[in-house]
Amino acid sequence: QKHYTQAWDEAKKKGYDMRADAIP
């Protein structure tokens, strides 16, 4: 389970990546 969710956990640590030209 650790290897299965490793990529998702690393992505959560980096935070959210939103472009400056996004609609919100």
mmCIF file of all heavy atoms, coordinates in Angstrom:
data_MODEL
# 
_entry.id   MODEL 
# 
loop_
_atom_site.group_PDB 
_atom_site.id 
_atom_site.type_symbol 
_atom_site.label_atom_id 
_atom_site.label_alt_id 
_atom_site.label_comp_id 
_atom_site.label_asym_id 
_atom_site.label_entity_id 
_atom_site.label_seq_id 
_atom_site.pdbx_PDB_ins_code 
_atom_site.Cartn_x 
_atom_site.Cartn_y 
_atom_site.Cartn_z 
_atom_site.occupancy 
_atom_site.B_iso_or_equiv 
_atom_site.pdbx_formal_charge 
_atom_site.auth_seq_id 
_atom_site.auth_comp_id 
_atom_site.auth_asym_id 
_atom_site.auth_atom_id 
_atom_site.pdbx_PDB_model_num 
ATOM 1   N N   . GLN A 1 1  ? 0.828   -1.207 0.000   1.00 0.00 ? 1  GLN A N   1 
ATOM 2   C CA  . GLN A 1 1  ? 0.000   0.000  0.000   1.00 0.00 ? 1  GLN A CA  1 
ATOM 3   C C   . GLN A 1 1  ? 0.866   1.262  0.000   1.00 0.00 ? 1  GLN A C   1 
ATOM 4   O O   . GLN A 1 1  ? 0.490   2.292  -0.570  1.00 0.00 ? 1  GLN A O   1 
ATOM 5   C CB  . GLN A 1 1  ? -0.922  -0.015 1.239   1.00 0.00 ? 1  GLN A CB  1 
ATOM 6   C CG  . GLN A 1 1  ? -1.891  1.155  1.322   1.00 0.00 ? 1  GLN A CG  1 
ATOM 7   C CD  . GLN A 1 1  ? -2.956  1.082  0.251   1.00 0.00 ? 1  GLN A CD  1 
ATOM 8   O OE1 . GLN A 1 1  ? -3.168  0.022  -0.340  1.00 0.00 ? 1  GLN A OE1 1 
ATOM 9   N NE2 . GLN A 1 1  ? -3.619  2.190  -0.029  1.00 0.00 ? 1  GLN A NE2 1 
ATOM 10  N N   . LYS A 1 2  ? 2.037   1.165  0.626   1.00 0.00 ? 2  LYS A N   1 
ATOM 11  C CA  . LYS A 1 2  ? 2.941   2.321  0.689   1.00 0.00 ? 2  LYS A CA  1 
ATOM 12  C C   . LYS A 1 2  ? 3.465   2.662  -0.702  1.00 0.00 ? 2  LYS A C   1 
ATOM 13  O O   . LYS A 1 2  ? 3.474   3.841  -1.098  1.00 0.00 ? 2  LYS A O   1 
ATOM 14  C CB  . LYS A 1 2  ? 4.101   2.023  1.637   1.00 0.00 ? 2  LYS A CB  1 
ATOM 15  C CG  . LYS A 1 2  ? 5.086   3.155  1.769   1.00 0.00 ? 2  LYS A CG  1 
ATOM 16  C CD  . LYS A 1 2  ? 6.203   2.799  2.744   1.00 0.00 ? 2  LYS A CD  1 
ATOM 17  C CE  . LYS A 1 2  ? 7.204   3.941  2.838   1.00 0.00 ? 2  LYS A CE  1 
ATOM 18  N NZ  . LYS A 1 2  ? 8.308   3.605  3.777   1.00 0.00 ? 2  LYS A NZ  1 
ATOM 19  N N   . HIS A 1 3  ? 3.906   1.648  -1.459  1.00 0.00 ? 3  HIS A N   1 
ATOM 20  C CA  . HIS A 1 3  ? 4.369   1.904  -2.819  1.00 0.00 ? 3  HIS A CA  1 
ATOM 21  C C   . HIS A 1 3  ? 3.221   2.325  -3.736  1.00 0.00 ? 3  HIS A C   1 
ATOM 22  O O   . HIS A 1 3  ? 3.432   3.076  -4.693  1.00 0.00 ? 3  HIS A O   1 
ATOM 23  C CB  . HIS A 1 3  ? 5.051   0.656  -3.390  1.00 0.00 ? 3  HIS A CB  1 
ATOM 24  C CG  . HIS A 1 3  ? 6.397   0.382  -2.793  1.00 0.00 ? 3  HIS A CG  1 
ATOM 25  N ND1 . HIS A 1 3  ? 6.551   -0.248 -1.562  1.00 0.00 ? 3  HIS A ND1 1 
ATOM 26  C CD2 . HIS A 1 3  ? 7.646   0.680  -3.234  1.00 0.00 ? 3  HIS A CD2 1 
ATOM 27  C CE1 . HIS A 1 3  ? 7.829   -0.346 -1.291  1.00 0.00 ? 3  HIS A CE1 1 
ATOM 28  N NE2 . HIS A 1 3  ? 8.525   0.207  -2.273  1.00 0.00 ? 3  HIS A NE2 1 
ATOM 29  N N   . TYR A 1 4  ? 2.023   1.841  -3.443  1.00 0.00 ? 4  TYR A N   1 
ATOM 30  C CA  . TYR A 1 4  ? 0.877   2.188  -4.294  1.00 0.00 ? 4  TYR A CA  1 
ATOM 31  C C   . TYR A 1 4  ? 0.511   3.661  -4.176  1.00 0.00 ? 4  TYR A C   1 
ATOM 32  O O   . TYR A 1 4  ? 0.129   4.307  -5.156  1.00 0.00 ? 4  TYR A O   1 
ATOM 33  C CB  . TYR A 1 4  ? -0.304  1.297  -3.904  1.00 0.00 ? 4  TYR A CB  1 
ATOM 34  C CG  . TYR A 1 4  ? -1.557  1.574  -4.697  1.00 0.00 ? 4  TYR A CG  1 
ATOM 35  C CD1 . TYR A 1 4  ? -1.647  1.205  -6.040  1.00 0.00 ? 4  TYR A CD1 1 
ATOM 36  C CD2 . TYR A 1 4  ? -2.644  2.201  -4.103  1.00 0.00 ? 4  TYR A CD2 1 
ATOM 37  C CE1 . TYR A 1 4  ? -2.796  1.461  -6.763  1.00 0.00 ? 4  TYR A CE1 1 
ATOM 38  C CE2 . TYR A 1 4  ? -3.792  2.461  -4.827  1.00 0.00 ? 4  TYR A CE2 1 
ATOM 39  C CZ  . TYR A 1 4  ? -3.872  2.080  -6.154  1.00 0.00 ? 4  TYR A CZ  1 
ATOM 40  O OH  . TYR A 1 4  ? -5.000  2.345  -6.866  1.00 0.00 ? 4  TYR A OH  1 
ATOM 41  N N   . THR A 1 5  ? 0.633   4.214  -2.965  1.00 0.00 ? 5  THR A N   1 
ATOM 42  C CA  . THR A 1 5  ? 0.259   5.619  -2.727  1.00 0.00 ? 5  THR A CA  1 
ATOM 43  C C   . THR A 1 5  ? 1.465   6.528  -2.577  1.00 0.00 ? 5  THR A C   1 
ATOM 44  O O   . THR A 1 5  ? 1.324   7.649  -2.096  1.00 0.00 ? 5  THR A O   1 
ATOM 45  C CB  . THR A 1 5  ? -0.604  5.714  -1.463  1.00 0.00 ? 5  THR A CB  1 
ATOM 46  O OG1 . THR A 1 5  ? 0.155   5.200  -0.343  1.00 0.00 ? 5  THR A OG1 1 
ATOM 47  C CG2 . THR A 1 5  ? -1.885  4.916  -1.609  1.00 0.00 ? 5  THR A CG2 1 
ATOM 48  N N   . GLN A 1 6  ? 2.651   6.056  -2.965  1.00 0.00 ? 6  GLN A N   1 
ATOM 49  C CA  . GLN A 1 6  ? 3.860   6.875  -2.761  1.00 0.00 ? 6  GLN A CA  1 
ATOM 50  C C   . GLN A 1 6  ? 3.826   8.122  -3.645  1.00 0.00 ? 6  GLN A C   1 
ATOM 51  O O   . GLN A 1 6  ? 4.128   9.232  -3.195  1.00 0.00 ? 6  GLN A O   1 
ATOM 52  C CB  . GLN A 1 6  ? 5.107   6.041  -3.081  1.00 0.00 ? 6  GLN A CB  1 
ATOM 53  C CG  . GLN A 1 6  ? 6.415   6.796  -2.835  1.00 0.00 ? 6  GLN A CG  1 
ATOM 54  C CD  . GLN A 1 6  ? 7.625   5.925  -3.099  1.00 0.00 ? 6  GLN A CD  1 
ATOM 55  O OE1 . GLN A 1 6  ? 7.474   4.773  -3.530  1.00 0.00 ? 6  GLN A OE1 1 
ATOM 56  N NE2 . GLN A 1 6  ? 8.792   6.445  -2.837  1.00 0.00 ? 6  GLN A NE2 1 
ATOM 57  N N   . ALA A 1 7  ? 3.474   7.969  -4.928  1.00 0.00 ? 7  ALA A N   1 
ATOM 58  C CA  . ALA A 1 7  ? 3.435   9.124  -5.826  1.00 0.00 ? 7  ALA A CA  1 
ATOM 59  C C   . ALA A 1 7  ? 2.396   10.148 -5.373  1.00 0.00 ? 7  ALA A C   1 
ATOM 60  O O   . ALA A 1 7  ? 2.621   11.364 -5.431  1.00 0.00 ? 7  ALA A O   1 
ATOM 61  C CB  . ALA A 1 7  ? 3.147   8.664  -7.258  1.00 0.00 ? 7  ALA A CB  1 
ATOM 62  N N   . TRP A 1 8  ? 1.251   9.669  -4.892  1.00 0.00 ? 8  TRP A N   1 
ATOM 63  C CA  . TRP A 1 8  ? 0.201   10.583 -4.430  1.00 0.00 ? 8  TRP A CA  1 
ATOM 64  C C   . TRP A 1 8  ? 0.647   11.332 -3.180  1.00 0.00 ? 8  TRP A C   1 
ATOM 65  O O   . TRP A 1 8  ? 0.380   12.533 -3.026  1.00 0.00 ? 8  TRP A O   1 
ATOM 66  C CB  . TRP A 1 8  ? -1.071  9.787  -4.169  1.00 0.00 ? 8  TRP A CB  1 
ATOM 67  C CG  . TRP A 1 8  ? -2.133  10.543 -3.424  1.00 0.00 ? 8  TRP A CG  1 
ATOM 68  C CD1 . TRP A 1 8  ? -2.663  10.238 -2.231  1.00 0.00 ? 8  TRP A CD1 1 
ATOM 69  C CD2 . TRP A 1 8  ? -2.783  11.741 -3.845  1.00 0.00 ? 8  TRP A CD2 1 
ATOM 70  N NE1 . TRP A 1 8  ? -3.596  11.146 -1.859  1.00 0.00 ? 8  TRP A NE1 1 
ATOM 71  C CE2 . TRP A 1 8  ? -3.702  12.097 -2.834  1.00 0.00 ? 8  TRP A CE2 1 
ATOM 72  C CE3 . TRP A 1 8  ? -2.693  12.562 -4.953  1.00 0.00 ? 8  TRP A CE3 1 
ATOM 73  C CZ2 . TRP A 1 8  ? -4.502  13.229 -2.914  1.00 0.00 ? 8  TRP A CZ2 1 
ATOM 74  C CZ3 . TRP A 1 8  ? -3.491  13.689 -5.033  1.00 0.00 ? 8  TRP A CZ3 1 
ATOM 75  C CH2 . TRP A 1 8  ? -4.390  14.013 -4.030  1.00 0.00 ? 8  TRP A CH2 1 
ATOM 76  N N   . ASP A 1 9  ? 1.320   10.643 -2.266  1.00 0.00 ? 9  ASP A N   1 
ATOM 77  C CA  . ASP A 1 9  ? 1.818   11.304 -1.049  1.00 0.00 ? 9  ASP A CA  1 
ATOM 78  C C   . ASP A 1 9  ? 2.860   12.367 -1.367  1.00 0.00 ? 9  ASP A C   1 
ATOM 79  O O   . ASP A 1 9  ? 2.869   13.451 -0.770  1.00 0.00 ? 9  ASP A O   1 
ATOM 80  C CB  . ASP A 1 9  ? 2.410   10.256 -0.091  1.00 0.00 ? 9  ASP A CB  1 
ATOM 81  C CG  . ASP A 1 9  ? 1.349   9.302  0.433   1.00 0.00 ? 9  ASP A CG  1 
ATOM 82  O OD1 . ASP A 1 9  ? 0.168   9.689  0.441   1.00 0.00 ? 9  ASP A OD1 1 
ATOM 83  O OD2 . ASP A 1 9  ? 1.704   8.168  0.819   1.00 0.00 ? 9  ASP A OD2 1 
ATOM 84  N N   . GLU A 1 10 ? 3.760   12.059 -2.312  1.00 0.00 ? 10 GLU A N   1 
ATOM 85  C CA  . GLU A 1 10 ? 4.753   13.063 -2.692  1.00 0.00 ? 10 GLU A CA  1 
ATOM 86  C C   . GLU A 1 10 ? 4.106   14.265 -3.380  1.00 0.00 ? 10 GLU A C   1 
ATOM 87  O O   . GLU A 1 10 ? 4.547   15.403 -3.196  1.00 0.00 ? 10 GLU A O   1 
ATOM 88  C CB  . GLU A 1 10 ? 5.792   12.429 -3.619  1.00 0.00 ? 10 GLU A CB  1 
ATOM 89  C CG  . GLU A 1 10 ? 6.672   11.395 -2.932  1.00 0.00 ? 10 GLU A CG  1 
ATOM 90  C CD  . GLU A 1 10 ? 7.660   10.762 -3.882  1.00 0.00 ? 10 GLU A CD  1 
ATOM 91  O OE1 . GLU A 1 10 ? 7.585   11.100 -5.089  1.00 0.00 ? 10 GLU A OE1 1 
ATOM 92  O OE2 . GLU A 1 10 ? 8.484   9.948  -3.443  1.00 0.00 ? 10 GLU A OE2 1 
ATOM 93  N N   . ALA A 1 11 ? 3.069   14.019 -4.167  1.00 0.00 ? 11 ALA A N   1 
ATOM 94  C CA  . ALA A 1 11 ? 2.378   15.135 -4.813  1.00 0.00 ? 11 ALA A CA  1 
ATOM 95  C C   . ALA A 1 11 ? 1.660   16.011 -3.790  1.00 0.00 ? 11 ALA A C   1 
ATOM 96  O O   . ALA A 1 11 ? 1.578   17.227 -3.940  1.00 0.00 ? 11 ALA A O   1 
ATOM 97  C CB  . ALA A 1 11 ? 1.389   14.598 -5.853  1.00 0.00 ? 11 ALA A CB  1 
ATOM 98  N N   . LYS A 1 12 ? 1.119   15.380 -2.730  1.00 0.00 ? 12 LYS A N   1 
ATOM 99  C CA  . LYS A 1 12 ? 0.454   16.177 -1.685  1.00 0.00 ? 12 LYS A CA  1 
ATOM 100 C C   . LYS A 1 12 ? 1.440   17.041 -0.932  1.00 0.00 ? 12 LYS A C   1 
ATOM 101 O O   . LYS A 1 12 ? 1.107   18.137 -0.481  1.00 0.00 ? 12 LYS A O   1 
ATOM 102 C CB  . LYS A 1 12 ? -0.275  15.238 -0.726  1.00 0.00 ? 12 LYS A CB  1 
ATOM 103 C CG  . LYS A 1 12 ? -1.525  14.622 -1.297  1.00 0.00 ? 12 LYS A CG  1 
ATOM 104 C CD  . LYS A 1 12 ? -2.376  13.977 -0.213  1.00 0.00 ? 12 LYS A CD  1 
ATOM 105 C CE  . LYS A 1 12 ? -1.650  12.809 0.414   1.00 0.00 ? 12 LYS A CE  1 
ATOM 106 N NZ  . LYS A 1 12 ? -2.485  12.117 1.412   1.00 0.00 ? 12 LYS A NZ  1 
ATOM 107 N N   . LYS A 1 13 ? 2.681   16.552 -0.737  1.00 0.00 ? 13 LYS A N   1 
ATOM 108 C CA  . LYS A 1 13 ? 3.680   17.350 -0.019  1.00 0.00 ? 13 LYS A CA  1 
ATOM 109 C C   . LYS A 1 13 ? 4.094   18.595 -0.797  1.00 0.00 ? 13 LYS A C   1 
ATOM 110 O O   . LYS A 1 13 ? 4.462   19.601 -0.203  1.00 0.00 ? 13 LYS A O   1 
ATOM 111 C CB  . LYS A 1 13 ? 4.912   16.498 0.261   1.00 0.00 ? 13 LYS A CB  1 
ATOM 112 C CG  . LYS A 1 13 ? 4.664   15.360 1.231   1.00 0.00 ? 13 LYS A CG  1 
ATOM 113 C CD  . LYS A 1 13 ? 5.922   14.536 1.421   1.00 0.00 ? 13 LYS A CD  1 
ATOM 114 C CE  . LYS A 1 13 ? 5.672   13.359 2.364   1.00 0.00 ? 13 LYS A CE  1 
ATOM 115 N NZ  . LYS A 1 13 ? 6.896   12.535 2.523   1.00 0.00 ? 13 LYS A NZ  1 
ATOM 116 N N   . LYS A 1 14 ? 4.063   18.525 -2.126  1.00 0.00 ? 14 LYS A N   1 
ATOM 117 C CA  . LYS A 1 14 ? 4.469   19.675 -2.935  1.00 0.00 ? 14 LYS A CA  1 
ATOM 118 C C   . LYS A 1 14 ? 3.423   20.782 -2.952  1.00 0.00 ? 14 LYS A C   1 
ATOM 119 O O   . LYS A 1 14 ? 3.731   21.902 -3.345  1.00 0.00 ? 14 LYS A O   1 
ATOM 120 C CB  . LYS A 1 14 ? 4.735   19.215 -4.368  1.00 0.00 ? 14 LYS A CB  1 
ATOM 121 C CG  . LYS A 1 14 ? 5.926   18.266 -4.485  1.00 0.00 ? 14 LYS A CG  1 
ATOM 122 C CD  . LYS A 1 14 ? 6.127   17.848 -5.927  1.00 0.00 ? 14 LYS A CD  1 
ATOM 123 C CE  . LYS A 1 14 ? 7.297   16.886 -6.048  1.00 0.00 ? 14 LYS A CE  1 
ATOM 124 N NZ  . LYS A 1 14 ? 7.493   16.443 -7.449  1.00 0.00 ? 14 LYS A NZ  1 
ATOM 125 N N   . GLY A 1 15 ? 2.205   20.534 -2.531  1.00 0.00 ? 15 GLY A N   1 
ATOM 126 C CA  . GLY A 1 15 ? 1.184   21.562 -2.531  1.00 0.00 ? 15 GLY A CA  1 
ATOM 127 C C   . GLY A 1 15 ? 0.443   21.598 -3.860  1.00 0.00 ? 15 GLY A C   1 
ATOM 128 O O   . GLY A 1 15 ? 0.577   20.717 -4.718  1.00 0.00 ? 15 GLY A O   1 
ATOM 129 N N   . TYR A 1 16 ? -0.353  22.623 -4.039  1.00 0.00 ? 16 TYR A N   1 
ATOM 130 C CA  . TYR A 1 16 ? -1.181  22.770 -5.222  1.00 0.00 ? 16 TYR A CA  1 
ATOM 131 C C   . TYR A 1 16 ? -0.463  23.638 -6.246  1.00 0.00 ? 16 TYR A C   1 
ATOM 132 O O   . TYR A 1 16 ? 0.186   24.614 -5.903  1.00 0.00 ? 16 TYR A O   1 
ATOM 133 C CB  . TYR A 1 16 ? -2.530  23.388 -4.871  1.00 0.00 ? 16 TYR A CB  1 
ATOM 134 C CG  . TYR A 1 16 ? -3.354  22.524 -3.956  1.00 0.00 ? 16 TYR A CG  1 
ATOM 135 C CD1 . TYR A 1 16 ? -3.343  22.758 -2.588  1.00 0.00 ? 16 TYR A CD1 1 
ATOM 136 C CD2 . TYR A 1 16 ? -4.103  21.469 -4.457  1.00 0.00 ? 16 TYR A CD2 1 
ATOM 137 C CE1 . TYR A 1 16 ? -4.088  21.969 -1.728  1.00 0.00 ? 16 TYR A CE1 1 
ATOM 138 C CE2 . TYR A 1 16 ? -4.847  20.665 -3.606  1.00 0.00 ? 16 TYR A CE2 1 
ATOM 139 C CZ  . TYR A 1 16 ? -4.844  20.922 -2.244  1.00 0.00 ? 16 TYR A CZ  1 
ATOM 140 O OH  . TYR A 1 16 ? -5.574  20.147 -1.405  1.00 0.00 ? 16 TYR A OH  1 
ATOM 141 N N   . ASP A 1 17 ? -0.582  23.288 -7.495  1.00 0.00 ? 17 ASP A N   1 
ATOM 142 C CA  . ASP A 1 17 ? 0.047   24.017 -8.593  1.00 0.00 ? 17 ASP A CA  1 
ATOM 143 C C   . ASP A 1 17 ? -1.062  24.540 -9.499  1.00 0.00 ? 17 ASP A C   1 
ATOM 144 O O   . ASP A 1 17 ? -1.663  23.795 -10.271 1.00 0.00 ? 17 ASP A O   1 
ATOM 145 C CB  . ASP A 1 17 ? 0.987   23.093 -9.364  1.00 0.00 ? 17 ASP A CB  1 
ATOM 146 C CG  . ASP A 1 17 ? 1.715   23.842 -10.467 1.00 0.00 ? 17 ASP A CG  1 
ATOM 147 O OD1 . ASP A 1 17 ? 1.697   25.080 -10.419 1.00 0.00 ? 17 ASP A OD1 1 
ATOM 148 O OD2 . ASP A 1 17 ? 2.274   23.183 -11.355 1.00 0.00 ? 17 ASP A OD2 1 
ATOM 149 N N   . MET A 1 18 ? -1.328  25.825 -9.339  1.00 0.00 ? 18 MET A N   1 
ATOM 150 C CA  . MET A 1 18 ? -2.378  26.460 -10.148 1.00 0.00 ? 18 MET A CA  1 
ATOM 151 C C   . MET A 1 18 ? -1.744  27.536 -11.005 1.00 0.00 ? 18 MET A C   1 
ATOM 152 O O   . MET A 1 18 ? -0.929  28.329 -10.532 1.00 0.00 ? 18 MET A O   1 
ATOM 153 C CB  . MET A 1 18 ? -3.458  27.070 -9.253  1.00 0.00 ? 18 MET A CB  1 
ATOM 154 C CG  . MET A 1 18 ? -4.192  26.044 -8.411  1.00 0.00 ? 18 MET A CG  1 
ATOM 155 S SD  . MET A 1 18 ? -5.572  26.766 -7.519  1.00 0.00 ? 18 MET A SD  1 
ATOM 156 C CE  . MET A 1 18 ? -6.656  27.153 -8.862  1.00 0.00 ? 18 MET A CE  1 
ATOM 157 N N   . ARG A 1 19 ? -2.099  27.550 -12.257 1.00 0.00 ? 19 ARG A N   1 
ATOM 158 C CA  . ARG A 1 19 ? -1.544  28.549 -13.162 1.00 0.00 ? 19 ARG A CA  1 
ATOM 159 C C   . ARG A 1 19 ? -2.128  29.925 -12.874 1.00 0.00 ? 19 ARG A C   1 
ATOM 160 O O   . ARG A 1 19 ? -3.226  30.067 -12.342 1.00 0.00 ? 19 ARG A O   1 
ATOM 161 C CB  . ARG A 1 19 ? -1.828  28.141 -14.602 1.00 0.00 ? 19 ARG A CB  1 
ATOM 162 C CG  . ARG A 1 19 ? -1.152  26.821 -15.021 1.00 0.00 ? 19 ARG A CG  1 
ATOM 163 C CD  . ARG A 1 19 ? -1.548  26.466 -16.433 1.00 0.00 ? 19 ARG A CD  1 
ATOM 164 N NE  . ARG A 1 19 ? -3.010  26.278 -16.521 1.00 0.00 ? 19 ARG A NE  1 
ATOM 165 C CZ  . ARG A 1 19 ? -3.655  26.087 -17.661 1.00 0.00 ? 19 ARG A CZ  1 
ATOM 166 N NH1 . ARG A 1 19 ? -2.988  26.055 -18.802 1.00 0.00 ? 19 ARG A NH1 1 
ATOM 167 N NH2 . ARG A 1 19 ? -4.962  25.927 -17.661 1.00 0.00 ? 19 ARG A NH2 1 
ATOM 168 N N   . ALA A 1 20 ? -1.352  30.925 -13.261 1.00 0.00 ? 20 ALA A N   1 
ATOM 169 C CA  . ALA A 1 20 ? -1.800  32.300 -13.006 1.00 0.00 ? 20 ALA A CA  1 
ATOM 170 C C   . ALA A 1 20 ? -2.970  32.693 -13.896 1.00 0.00 ? 20 ALA A C   1 
ATOM 171 O O   . ALA A 1 20 ? -3.726  33.610 -13.554 1.00 0.00 ? 20 ALA A O   1 
ATOM 172 C CB  . ALA A 1 20 ? -0.635  33.274 -13.208 1.00 0.00 ? 20 ALA A CB  1 
ATOM 173 N N   . ASP A 1 21 ? -3.123  32.007 -15.043 1.00 0.00 ? 21 ASP A N   1 
ATOM 174 C CA  . ASP A 1 21 ? -4.214  32.338 -15.955 1.00 0.00 ? 21 ASP A CA  1 
ATOM 175 C C   . ASP A 1 21 ? -5.412  31.398 -15.805 1.00 0.00 ? 21 ASP A C   1 
ATOM 176 O O   . ASP A 1 21 ? -6.250  31.321 -16.707 1.00 0.00 ? 21 ASP A O   1 
ATOM 177 C CB  . ASP A 1 21 ? -3.713  32.307 -17.393 1.00 0.00 ? 21 ASP A CB  1 
ATOM 178 C CG  . ASP A 1 21 ? -3.092  30.953 -17.738 1.00 0.00 ? 21 ASP A CG  1 
ATOM 179 O OD1 . ASP A 1 21 ? -2.849  30.169 -16.805 1.00 0.00 ? 21 ASP A OD1 1 
ATOM 180 O OD2 . ASP A 1 21 ? -2.858  30.713 -18.944 1.00 0.00 ? 21 ASP A OD2 1 
ATOM 181 N N   . ALA A 1 22 ? -5.497  30.699 -14.676 1.00 0.00 ? 22 ALA A N   1 
ATOM 182 C CA  . ALA A 1 22 ? -6.657  29.828 -14.458 1.00 0.00 ? 22 ALA A CA  1 
ATOM 183 C C   . ALA A 1 22 ? -7.917  30.673 -14.239 1.00 0.00 ? 22 ALA A C   1 
ATOM 184 O O   . ALA A 1 22 ? -7.847  31.831 -13.800 1.00 0.00 ? 22 ALA A O   1 
ATOM 185 C CB  . ALA A 1 22 ? -6.401  28.919 -13.258 1.00 0.00 ? 22 ALA A CB  1 
ATOM 186 N N   . ILE A 1 23 ? -9.044  30.071 -14.557 1.00 0.00 ? 23 ILE A N   1 
ATOM 187 C CA  . ILE A 1 23 ? -10.308 30.821 -14.459 1.00 0.00 ? 23 ILE A CA  1 
ATOM 188 C C   . ILE A 1 23 ? -10.614 31.224 -13.020 1.00 0.00 ? 23 ILE A C   1 
ATOM 189 O O   . ILE A 1 23 ? -10.999 32.378 -12.765 1.00 0.00 ? 23 ILE A O   1 
ATOM 190 C CB  . ILE A 1 23 ? -11.451 29.980 -15.067 1.00 0.00 ? 23 ILE A CB  1 
ATOM 191 C CG1 . ILE A 1 23 ? -11.201 29.780 -16.568 1.00 0.00 ? 23 ILE A CG1 1 
ATOM 192 C CG2 . ILE A 1 23 ? -12.794 30.657 -14.827 1.00 0.00 ? 23 ILE A CG2 1 
ATOM 193 C CD1 . ILE A 1 23 ? -12.232 28.922 -17.257 1.00 0.00 ? 23 ILE A CD1 1 
ATOM 194 N N   . PRO A 1 24 ? -10.461 30.358 -11.998 1.00 0.00 ? 24 PRO A N   1 
ATOM 195 C CA  . PRO A 1 24 ? -10.718 30.821 -10.623 1.00 0.00 ? 24 PRO A CA  1 
ATOM 196 C C   . PRO A 1 24 ? -9.788  31.946 -10.185 1.00 0.00 ? 24 PRO A C   1 
ATOM 197 O O   . PRO A 1 24 ? -10.217 32.882 -9.488  1.00 0.00 ? 24 PRO A O   1 
ATOM 198 C CB  . PRO A 1 24 ? -10.503 29.544 -9.794  1.00 0.00 ? 24 PRO A CB  1 
ATOM 199 C CG  . PRO A 1 24 ? -10.701 28.420 -10.735 1.00 0.00 ? 24 PRO A CG  1 
ATOM 200 C CD  . PRO A 1 24 ? -10.186 28.914 -12.036 1.00 0.00 ? 24 PRO A CD  1 
# 
